[in-house]
Amino acid sequence: MFIKNDKGFTLIEIIAVLVIISVLAILVVPRLFSMNDNASIKMVEDAISRLNTHEKTFWLDQKMVDQYKNDLDLFNKIDYDLGADYEWVMKDQTSGVLRFQENDFLLNRTPSTKETFAVWELIE
């Protein structure tokens, strides 16, 4: 006489659950990394927006008091500090590399003139 033991799972059931978990992991993990990259890009775009606000504000201030000389003079007076999360490597007054979360983003700067302020752009 055999006693039937219904406690526990069969090997087939355990393998089926592992397969389902593996498939879900294969689908979800790449999206999580993609979301992190997208967040980094959004943060850098926000930093570029702040750079452009600095440029515009300082340019307008200089124009209001009629002290705008040239782009290089303006470039040397602006505070380009974006905070502790960003490392800024300025190549020259027309380009630079912004490092955020160990990723480098190349930026280009259109110089200012007496008619318009300088604009920073992310180079893709």
N, C-alpha and C. Protein backbone atom coordinates (compact mmCIF):
# COMPACT_ATOMS: atom_id res chain seq x y z
N MET A 1 0.82 -1.14 0.00
CA MET A 1 0.00 0.00 0.00
C MET A 1 0.90 1.25 0.00
N PHE A 2 0.61 2.14 -0.95
CA PHE A 2 1.39 3.37 -1.09
C PHE A 2 0.60 4.55 -0.54
N ILE A 3 1.33 5.46 0.12
CA ILE A 3 0.70 6.68 0.62
C ILE A 3 1.01 7.80 -0.39
N LYS A 4 -0.03 8.46 -0.87
CA LYS A 4 0.15 9.52 -1.85
C LYS A 4 0.48 10.82 -1.11
N ASN A 5 1.56 11.48 -1.55
CA ASN A 5 2.00 12.74 -0.95
C ASN A 5 1.75 13.86 -1.95
N ASP A 6 0.75 14.71 -1.72
CA ASP A 6 0.42 15.80 -2.63
C ASP A 6 1.06 17.12 -2.21
N LYS A 7 1.98 17.11 -1.31
CA LYS A 7 2.63 18.33 -0.88
C LYS A 7 3.82 18.60 -1.80
N GLY A 8 3.92 19.84 -2.31
CA GLY A 8 5.06 20.21 -3.15
C GLY A 8 4.67 20.32 -4.61
N PHE A 9 5.66 20.68 -5.44
CA PHE A 9 5.45 20.88 -6.87
C PHE A 9 6.21 19.83 -7.65
N THR A 10 5.71 19.54 -8.84
CA THR A 10 6.42 18.60 -9.71
C THR A 10 7.54 19.35 -10.41
N LEU A 11 8.45 18.60 -10.97
CA LEU A 11 9.58 19.18 -11.70
C LEU A 11 9.09 19.99 -12.90
N ILE A 12 8.08 19.52 -13.58
CA ILE A 12 7.51 20.21 -14.74
C ILE A 12 6.96 21.58 -14.33
N GLU A 13 6.27 21.64 -13.22
CA GLU A 13 5.72 22.91 -12.76
C GLU A 13 6.83 23.92 -12.42
N ILE A 14 7.87 23.46 -11.78
CA ILE A 14 8.99 24.33 -11.43
C ILE A 14 9.68 24.85 -12.69
N ILE A 15 9.90 23.98 -13.67
CA ILE A 15 10.53 24.38 -14.93
C ILE A 15 9.64 25.39 -15.66
N ALA A 16 8.34 25.17 -15.67
CA ALA A 16 7.42 26.10 -16.34
C ALA A 16 7.49 27.48 -15.70
N VAL A 17 7.52 27.55 -14.39
CA VAL A 17 7.62 28.84 -13.69
C VAL A 17 8.95 29.51 -14.01
N LEU A 18 10.04 28.77 -14.03
CA LEU A 18 11.35 29.34 -14.35
C LEU A 18 11.40 29.88 -15.78
N VAL A 19 10.77 29.17 -16.72
CA VAL A 19 10.72 29.64 -18.11
C VAL A 19 9.95 30.95 -18.20
N ILE A 20 8.82 31.02 -17.51
CA ILE A 20 8.01 32.25 -17.53
C ILE A 20 8.79 33.41 -16.92
N ILE A 21 9.44 33.21 -15.81
CA ILE A 21 10.24 34.25 -15.17
C ILE A 21 11.38 34.69 -16.09
N SER A 22 12.03 33.75 -16.76
CA SER A 22 13.12 34.08 -17.68
C SER A 22 12.64 34.92 -18.85
N VAL A 23 11.51 34.57 -19.41
CA VAL A 23 10.96 35.34 -20.54
C VAL A 23 10.63 36.76 -20.09
N LEU A 24 10.01 36.89 -18.93
CA LEU A 24 9.69 38.22 -18.41
C LEU A 24 10.96 39.04 -18.17
N ALA A 25 11.99 38.40 -17.63
CA ALA A 25 13.25 39.10 -17.38
C ALA A 25 13.89 39.56 -18.69
N ILE A 26 13.82 38.73 -19.72
CA ILE A 26 14.39 39.09 -21.02
C ILE A 26 13.66 40.29 -21.60
N LEU A 27 12.38 40.39 -21.36
CA LEU A 27 11.59 41.51 -21.90
C LEU A 27 11.74 42.79 -21.07
N VAL A 28 11.87 42.68 -19.75
CA VAL A 28 11.85 43.84 -18.87
C VAL A 28 13.22 44.48 -18.68
N VAL A 29 14.27 43.70 -18.52
CA VAL A 29 15.60 44.24 -18.20
C VAL A 29 16.09 45.23 -19.25
N PRO A 30 16.01 44.96 -20.56
CA PRO A 30 16.46 45.97 -21.52
C PRO A 30 15.69 47.28 -21.43
N ARG A 31 14.41 47.20 -21.12
CA ARG A 31 13.62 48.43 -20.98
C ARG A 31 14.07 49.25 -19.77
N LEU A 32 14.48 48.58 -18.71
CA LEU A 32 14.97 49.31 -17.54
C LEU A 32 16.24 50.08 -17.88
N PHE A 33 17.16 49.46 -18.62
CA PHE A 33 18.38 50.15 -19.02
C PHE A 33 18.06 51.29 -19.98
N SER A 34 17.11 51.09 -20.86
CA SER A 34 16.70 52.12 -21.79
C SER A 34 16.10 53.31 -21.05
N MET A 35 15.33 53.05 -20.02
CA MET A 35 14.73 54.12 -19.23
C MET A 35 15.81 54.95 -18.55
N ASN A 36 16.88 54.30 -18.08
CA ASN A 36 17.98 55.01 -17.44
C ASN A 36 18.68 55.92 -18.44
N ASP A 37 18.91 55.43 -19.66
CA ASP A 37 19.53 56.24 -20.71
C ASP A 37 18.65 57.43 -21.06
N ASN A 38 17.35 57.20 -21.18
CA ASN A 38 16.42 58.28 -21.49
C ASN A 38 16.42 59.34 -20.39
N ALA A 39 16.49 58.90 -19.15
CA ALA A 39 16.53 59.85 -18.03
C ALA A 39 17.80 60.69 -18.07
N SER A 40 18.93 60.06 -18.41
CA SER A 40 20.19 60.79 -18.52
C SER A 40 20.11 61.85 -19.61
N ILE A 41 19.53 61.49 -20.74
CA ILE A 41 19.40 62.44 -21.85
C ILE A 41 18.50 63.59 -21.44
N LYS A 42 17.41 63.30 -20.74
CA LYS A 42 16.51 64.37 -20.28
C LYS A 42 17.22 65.31 -19.30
N MET A 43 18.04 64.75 -18.42
CA MET A 43 18.79 65.58 -17.48
C MET A 43 19.79 66.48 -18.21
N VAL A 44 20.45 65.94 -19.23
CA VAL A 44 21.40 66.74 -20.01
C VAL A 44 20.66 67.81 -20.81
N GLU A 45 19.51 67.47 -21.36
CA GLU A 45 18.72 68.48 -22.08
C GLU A 45 18.30 69.60 -21.13
N ASP A 46 17.97 69.26 -19.89
CA ASP A 46 17.65 70.28 -18.89
C ASP A 46 18.87 71.15 -18.60
N ALA A 47 20.03 70.53 -18.49
CA ALA A 47 21.27 71.30 -18.25
C ALA A 47 21.55 72.25 -19.42
N ILE A 48 21.31 71.79 -20.64
CA ILE A 48 21.51 72.64 -21.81
C ILE A 48 20.53 73.82 -21.77
N SER A 49 19.32 73.56 -21.36
CA SER A 49 18.34 74.63 -21.23
C SER A 49 18.81 75.67 -20.21
N ARG A 50 19.39 75.19 -19.10
CA ARG A 50 19.92 76.13 -18.10
C ARG A 50 21.11 76.91 -18.66
N LEU A 51 21.98 76.24 -19.44
CA LEU A 51 23.09 76.95 -20.08
C LEU A 51 22.56 78.07 -20.97
N ASN A 52 21.55 77.75 -21.77
CA ASN A 52 20.99 78.75 -22.67
C ASN A 52 20.33 79.89 -21.90
N THR A 53 19.73 79.60 -20.78
CA THR A 53 19.15 80.65 -19.95
C THR A 53 20.24 81.56 -19.39
N HIS A 54 21.37 80.95 -18.94
CA HIS A 54 22.51 81.75 -18.47
C HIS A 54 23.00 82.67 -19.59
N GLU A 55 23.16 82.09 -20.78
CA GLU A 55 23.65 82.86 -21.92
C GLU A 55 22.71 84.04 -22.22
N LYS A 56 21.43 83.75 -22.32
CA LYS A 56 20.45 84.78 -22.69
C LYS A 56 20.38 85.87 -21.64
N THR A 57 20.31 85.47 -20.37
CA THR A 57 20.19 86.44 -19.28
C THR A 57 21.41 87.35 -19.23
N PHE A 58 22.59 86.75 -19.30
CA PHE A 58 23.81 87.55 -19.22
C PHE A 58 23.95 88.45 -20.45
N TRP A 59 23.61 87.93 -21.62
CA TRP A 59 23.67 88.71 -22.85
C TRP A 59 22.73 89.91 -22.76
N LEU A 60 21.49 89.67 -22.28
CA LEU A 60 20.53 90.77 -22.13
C LEU A 60 21.03 91.82 -21.13
N ASP A 61 21.61 91.36 -20.02
CA ASP A 61 22.15 92.30 -19.03
C ASP A 61 23.24 93.17 -19.65
N GLN A 62 24.12 92.53 -20.41
CA GLN A 62 25.21 93.28 -21.04
C GLN A 62 24.69 94.27 -22.07
N LYS A 63 23.67 93.86 -22.81
CA LYS A 63 23.08 94.76 -23.82
C LYS A 63 22.35 95.93 -23.17
N MET A 64 21.68 95.67 -22.06
CA MET A 64 20.90 96.73 -21.40
C MET A 64 21.81 97.87 -20.93
N VAL A 65 22.99 97.53 -20.49
CA VAL A 65 23.92 98.57 -20.01
C VAL A 65 24.95 98.92 -21.09
N ASP A 66 24.71 98.44 -22.31
CA ASP A 66 25.55 98.73 -23.47
C ASP A 66 27.02 98.38 -23.22
N GLN A 67 27.25 97.17 -22.63
CA GLN A 67 28.61 96.72 -22.37
C GLN A 67 28.97 95.47 -23.16
N TYR A 68 28.15 95.08 -24.11
CA TYR A 68 28.49 93.93 -24.93
C TYR A 68 29.66 94.30 -25.85
N LYS A 69 30.77 93.56 -25.71
CA LYS A 69 31.94 93.83 -26.55
C LYS A 69 32.02 92.81 -27.68
N ASN A 70 32.14 91.55 -27.29
CA ASN A 70 32.21 90.47 -28.27
C ASN A 70 31.87 89.15 -27.57
N ASP A 71 31.77 88.10 -28.35
CA ASP A 71 31.37 86.80 -27.80
C ASP A 71 32.39 86.26 -26.80
N LEU A 72 33.67 86.41 -27.09
CA LEU A 72 34.71 85.88 -26.20
C LEU A 72 34.64 86.55 -24.83
N ASP A 73 34.44 87.86 -24.81
CA ASP A 73 34.32 88.58 -23.55
C ASP A 73 33.12 88.07 -22.76
N LEU A 74 32.00 87.90 -23.43
CA LEU A 74 30.79 87.38 -22.79
C LEU A 74 31.02 85.96 -22.28
N PHE A 75 31.63 85.13 -23.12
CA PHE A 75 31.90 83.73 -22.79
C PHE A 75 32.74 83.62 -21.52
N ASN A 76 33.72 84.48 -21.37
CA ASN A 76 34.62 84.41 -20.22
C ASN A 76 33.97 84.89 -18.93
N LYS A 77 32.88 85.64 -19.01
CA LYS A 77 32.23 86.18 -17.82
C LYS A 77 31.11 85.29 -17.28
N ILE A 78 30.58 84.40 -18.09
CA ILE A 78 29.43 83.60 -17.69
C ILE A 78 29.85 82.45 -16.77
N ASP A 79 29.04 82.19 -15.75
CA ASP A 79 29.25 81.07 -14.85
C ASP A 79 28.60 79.83 -15.46
N TYR A 80 29.40 78.85 -15.83
CA TYR A 80 28.89 77.63 -16.47
C TYR A 80 28.75 76.47 -15.49
N ASP A 81 28.71 76.74 -14.20
CA ASP A 81 28.56 75.68 -13.20
C ASP A 81 27.13 75.15 -13.23
N LEU A 82 27.00 73.83 -13.43
CA LEU A 82 25.68 73.19 -13.50
C LEU A 82 25.38 72.33 -12.29
N GLY A 83 26.28 72.28 -11.35
CA GLY A 83 26.05 71.48 -10.15
C GLY A 83 27.02 70.31 -10.05
N ALA A 84 26.93 69.61 -8.93
CA ALA A 84 27.88 68.55 -8.62
C ALA A 84 27.73 67.32 -9.52
N ASP A 85 26.56 67.12 -10.10
CA ASP A 85 26.33 65.93 -10.92
C ASP A 85 26.97 66.03 -12.30
N TYR A 86 27.41 67.23 -12.67
CA TYR A 86 27.93 67.45 -14.01
C TYR A 86 29.41 67.81 -13.96
N GLU A 87 30.16 67.23 -14.88
CA GLU A 87 31.55 67.61 -15.05
C GLU A 87 31.65 68.26 -16.43
N TRP A 88 32.20 69.45 -16.46
CA TRP A 88 32.20 70.25 -17.68
C TRP A 88 33.61 70.37 -18.20
N VAL A 89 33.84 69.94 -19.44
CA VAL A 89 35.13 70.08 -20.09
C VAL A 89 34.93 70.98 -21.30
N MET A 90 35.34 72.22 -21.16
CA MET A 90 35.17 73.20 -22.21
C MET A 90 36.33 73.07 -23.19
N LYS A 91 36.02 72.78 -24.44
CA LYS A 91 37.07 72.71 -25.46
C LYS A 91 37.48 74.11 -25.88
N ASP A 92 36.53 74.90 -26.25
CA ASP A 92 36.73 76.31 -26.59
C ASP A 92 35.39 76.99 -26.48
N GLN A 93 35.26 78.20 -27.00
CA GLN A 93 34.00 78.92 -26.83
C GLN A 93 32.90 78.43 -27.75
N THR A 94 33.20 77.45 -28.61
CA THR A 94 32.16 76.94 -29.52
C THR A 94 31.78 75.49 -29.26
N SER A 95 32.46 74.81 -28.34
CA SER A 95 32.10 73.42 -28.06
C SER A 95 32.61 73.00 -26.69
N GLY A 96 32.05 71.89 -26.23
CA GLY A 96 32.46 71.35 -24.95
C GLY A 96 31.87 69.97 -24.74
N VAL A 97 32.37 69.28 -23.72
CA VAL A 97 31.86 67.96 -23.37
C VAL A 97 31.27 68.05 -21.97
N LEU A 98 30.04 67.62 -21.86
CA LEU A 98 29.35 67.60 -20.58
C LEU A 98 29.27 66.15 -20.13
N ARG A 99 29.87 65.83 -18.99
CA ARG A 99 29.84 64.47 -18.46
C ARG A 99 28.78 64.39 -17.37
N PHE A 100 27.88 63.42 -17.55
CA PHE A 100 26.81 63.19 -16.57
C PHE A 100 26.64 61.69 -16.41
N GLN A 101 26.75 61.21 -15.17
CA GLN A 101 26.63 59.79 -14.84
C GLN A 101 27.51 58.93 -15.75
N GLU A 102 28.78 59.32 -15.85
CA GLU A 102 29.80 58.59 -16.60
C GLU A 102 29.52 58.52 -18.10
N ASN A 103 28.63 59.36 -18.60
CA ASN A 103 28.36 59.46 -20.04
C ASN A 103 28.81 60.83 -20.52
N ASP A 104 29.45 60.86 -21.68
CA ASP A 104 29.90 62.12 -22.26
C ASP A 104 28.93 62.57 -23.33
N PHE A 105 28.57 63.85 -23.28
CA PHE A 105 27.68 64.45 -24.26
C PHE A 105 28.40 65.63 -24.90
N LEU A 106 28.53 65.60 -26.21
CA LEU A 106 29.21 66.67 -26.93
C LEU A 106 28.21 67.79 -27.22
N LEU A 107 28.62 69.01 -26.86
CA LEU A 107 27.76 70.17 -27.06
C LEU A 107 28.43 71.14 -28.02
N ASN A 108 27.62 71.83 -28.78
CA ASN A 108 28.09 72.83 -29.71
C ASN A 108 27.46 74.16 -29.31
N ARG A 109 28.22 75.25 -29.45
CA ARG A 109 27.73 76.58 -29.07
C ARG A 109 27.81 77.52 -30.26
N THR A 110 26.66 78.07 -30.61
CA THR A 110 26.62 79.10 -31.63
C THR A 110 26.96 80.42 -30.95
N PRO A 111 28.01 81.11 -31.38
CA PRO A 111 28.44 82.33 -30.68
C PRO A 111 27.39 83.44 -30.69
N SER A 112 27.49 84.31 -29.70
CA SER A 112 26.59 85.45 -29.63
C SER A 112 27.08 86.57 -30.55
N THR A 113 26.16 87.43 -30.90
CA THR A 113 26.48 88.64 -31.65
C THR A 113 25.76 89.79 -30.95
N LYS A 114 25.87 90.98 -31.49
CA LYS A 114 25.12 92.10 -30.90
C LYS A 114 23.62 91.93 -31.07
N GLU A 115 23.22 91.12 -32.05
CA GLU A 115 21.79 90.93 -32.33
C GLU A 115 21.18 89.72 -31.63
N THR A 116 21.98 88.74 -31.27
CA THR A 116 21.41 87.52 -30.69
C THR A 116 22.37 86.88 -29.68
N PHE A 117 21.80 86.18 -28.73
CA PHE A 117 22.60 85.51 -27.71
C PHE A 117 23.11 84.16 -28.21
N ALA A 118 24.09 83.60 -27.53
CA ALA A 118 24.66 82.30 -27.89
C ALA A 118 23.69 81.19 -27.53
N VAL A 119 23.77 80.08 -28.27
CA VAL A 119 22.88 78.93 -28.04
C VAL A 119 23.71 77.65 -27.99
N TRP A 120 23.47 76.87 -26.93
CA TRP A 120 24.10 75.56 -26.80
C TRP A 120 23.17 74.50 -27.35
N GLU A 121 23.76 73.50 -28.05
CA GLU A 121 22.97 72.39 -28.61
C GLU A 121 23.69 71.07 -28.36
N LEU A 122 22.92 70.04 -28.15
CA LEU A 122 23.45 68.68 -27.99
C LEU A 122 23.72 68.12 -29.39
N ILE A 123 24.93 67.61 -29.58
CA ILE A 123 25.27 66.98 -30.87
C ILE A 123 25.03 65.50 -30.71
N GLU A 124 24.16 64.95 -31.53
CA GLU A 124 23.77 63.53 -31.39
C GLU A 124 24.78 62.63 -32.05
